[in-house]
């Protein structure tokens, strides 16, 4: 049986292709019955929040994509 708590890739035991396909068919999720029906979002698109200071939301922003691309706004991290 496959486990995700192995110390390294060499120690993991993988399913054969036939086992993986059988498991996928057996454990397929039916999205047409509750509670698996996806929730429709209340809002789609962009929303401008003009009256909220950036300092209040900086802790909630995931900065990783900016750092990985090397395109983060330097002015946010400057001391001036």
C-alpha atoms as a PDB file:
ATOM      1  CA  UNK A   1       0.000   0.000   0.000  1.00  0.00           C
ATOM      2  CA  UNK A   2       1.249   3.500  -0.823  1.00  0.00           C
ATOM      3  CA  UNK A   3       2.092   5.786   2.052  1.00  0.00           C
ATOM      4  CA  UNK A   4       3.167   9.415   2.064  1.00  0.00           C
ATOM      5  CA  UNK A   5       5.095   9.190   5.351  1.00  0.00           C
ATOM      6  CA  UNK A   6       8.187   7.442   3.970  1.00  0.00           C
ATOM      7  CA  UNK A   7      11.618   8.898   4.681  1.00  0.00           C
ATOM      8  CA  UNK A   8      12.744   8.825   1.043  1.00  0.00           C
ATOM      9  CA  UNK A   9      11.484   7.964  -2.430  1.00  0.00           C
ATOM     10  CA  UNK A  10      13.362   4.664  -2.588  1.00  0.00           C
ATOM     11  CA  UNK A  11      11.422   3.340   0.428  1.00  0.00           C
ATOM     12  CA  UNK A  12       7.991   4.134  -0.995  1.00  0.00           C
ATOM     13  CA  UNK A  13       5.825   1.405  -2.408  1.00  0.00           C
ATOM     14  CA  UNK A  14       3.877   2.398  -5.507  1.00  0.00           C
ATOM     15  CA  UNK A  15       0.737   0.981  -7.111  1.00  0.00           C
ATOM     16  CA  UNK A  16       0.996  -0.691 -10.476  1.00  0.00           C
ATOM     17  CA  UNK A  17      -0.852   1.065 -13.292  1.00  0.00           C
ATOM     18  CA  UNK A  18      -3.680  -1.484 -13.092  1.00  0.00           C
ATOM     19  CA  UNK A  19      -3.993  -1.003  -9.303  1.00  0.00           C
ATOM     20  CA  UNK A  20      -4.039   2.786  -9.677  1.00  0.00           C
ATOM     21  CA  UNK A  21      -6.764   2.635 -12.331  1.00  0.00           C
ATOM     22  CA  UNK A  22      -8.869   0.244 -10.239  1.00  0.00           C
ATOM     23  CA  UNK A  23      -8.506   2.461  -7.167  1.00  0.00           C
ATOM     24  CA  UNK A  24      -9.412   5.581  -9.163  1.00  0.00           C
ATOM     25  CA  UNK A  25     -12.618   3.964 -10.447  1.00  0.00           C
ATOM     26  CA  UNK A  26     -13.555   2.594  -7.028  1.00  0.00           C
ATOM     27  CA  UNK A  27     -12.931   5.847  -5.155  1.00  0.00           C
ATOM     28  CA  UNK A  28     -14.193   8.322  -7.762  1.00  0.00           C
ATOM     29  CA  UNK A  29     -16.103  11.281  -6.346  1.00  0.00           C
ATOM     30  CA  UNK A  30     -19.646  11.868  -7.590  1.00  0.00           C
ATOM     31  CA  UNK A  31     -20.012  15.643  -7.809  1.00  0.00           C
ATOM     32  CA  UNK A  32     -23.743  15.459  -8.559  1.00  0.00           C
ATOM     33  CA  UNK A  33     -24.790  14.497  -5.021  1.00  0.00           C
ATOM     34  CA  UNK A  34     -24.562  16.422  -1.755  1.00  0.00           C
ATOM     35  CA  UNK A  35     -22.169  17.097   0.037  1.00  0.00           C
ATOM     36  CA  UNK A  36     -19.863  16.903  -3.018  1.00  0.00           C
ATOM     37  CA  UNK A  37     -21.638  19.566  -5.077  1.00  0.00           C
ATOM     38  CA  UNK A  38     -19.199  22.470  -5.547  1.00  0.00           C
ATOM     39  CA  UNK A  39     -20.230  25.769  -4.009  1.00  0.00           C
ATOM     40  CA  UNK A  40     -20.945  28.602  -6.425  1.00  0.00           C
ATOM     41  CA  UNK A  41     -18.885  31.674  -5.533  1.00  0.00           C
ATOM     42  CA  UNK A  42     -20.823  34.755  -4.442  1.00  0.00           C
ATOM     43  CA  UNK A  43     -18.531  37.002  -6.463  1.00  0.00           C
ATOM     44  CA  UNK A  44     -16.422  36.493  -9.597  1.00  0.00           C
ATOM     45  CA  UNK A  45     -13.812  38.970 -10.784  1.00  0.00           C
ATOM     46  CA  UNK A  46     -11.825  41.731  -9.129  1.00  0.00           C
ATOM     47  CA  UNK A  47     -12.851  43.920  -6.238  1.00  0.00           C
ATOM     48  CA  UNK A  48     -11.045  47.116  -5.295  1.00  0.00           C
ATOM     49  CA  UNK A  49     -10.766  47.717  -1.563  1.00  0.00           C
ATOM     50  CA  UNK A  50      -9.855  51.402  -1.507  1.00  0.00           C
ATOM     51  CA  UNK A  51     -10.366  52.246   2.173  1.00  0.00           C
ATOM     52  CA  UNK A  52      -8.135  49.514   3.637  1.00  0.00           C
ATOM     53  CA  UNK A  53      -4.483  50.330   4.419  1.00  0.00           C
ATOM     54  CA  UNK A  54      -1.960  47.917   2.873  1.00  0.00           C
ATOM     55  CA  UNK A  55      -0.364  47.429   6.294  1.00  0.00           C
ATOM     56  CA  UNK A  56      -3.578  45.771   7.500  1.00  0.00           C
ATOM     57  CA  UNK A  57      -3.503  43.087   4.803  1.00  0.00           C
ATOM     58  CA  UNK A  58       0.237  42.469   4.271  1.00  0.00           C
ATOM     59  CA  UNK A  59       0.224  39.500   6.667  1.00  0.00           C
ATOM     60  CA  UNK A  60      -2.449  37.799   4.535  1.00  0.00           C
ATOM     61  CA  UNK A  61      -0.672  38.139   1.166  1.00  0.00           C
ATOM     62  CA  UNK A  62       1.204  35.120  -0.172  1.00  0.00           C
ATOM     63  CA  UNK A  63       4.452  36.733  -1.323  1.00  0.00           C
ATOM     64  CA  UNK A  64       6.048  33.504  -2.652  1.00  0.00           C
ATOM     65  CA  UNK A  65       5.079  34.015  -6.331  1.00  0.00           C
ATOM     66  CA  UNK A  66       6.624  37.491  -6.269  1.00  0.00           C
ATOM     67  CA  UNK A  67       9.887  36.254  -4.773  1.00  0.00           C
ATOM     68  CA  UNK A  68      10.087  33.268  -7.137  1.00  0.00           C
ATOM     69  CA  UNK A  69       9.607  35.517 -10.164  1.00  0.00           C
ATOM     70  CA  UNK A  70      11.990  38.136  -8.806  1.00  0.00           C
ATOM     71  CA  UNK A  71       9.350  40.807  -9.371  1.00  0.00           C
ATOM     72  CA  UNK A  72       8.321  41.807  -5.873  1.00  0.00           C
ATOM     73  CA  UNK A  73       7.710  45.495  -5.270  1.00  0.00           C
ATOM     74  CA  UNK A  74      10.866  46.782  -3.594  1.00  0.00           C
ATOM     75  CA  UNK A  75       9.045  49.798  -2.173  1.00  0.00           C
ATOM     76  CA  UNK A  76       7.114  47.542   0.215  1.00  0.00           C
ATOM     77  CA  UNK A  77      10.312  46.393   1.880  1.00  0.00           C
ATOM     78  CA  UNK A  78      12.348  49.577   1.871  1.00  0.00           C
ATOM     79  CA  UNK A  79      13.107  51.345   5.116  1.00  0.00           C
ATOM     80  CA  UNK A  80      12.441  54.809   3.676  1.00  0.00           C
END
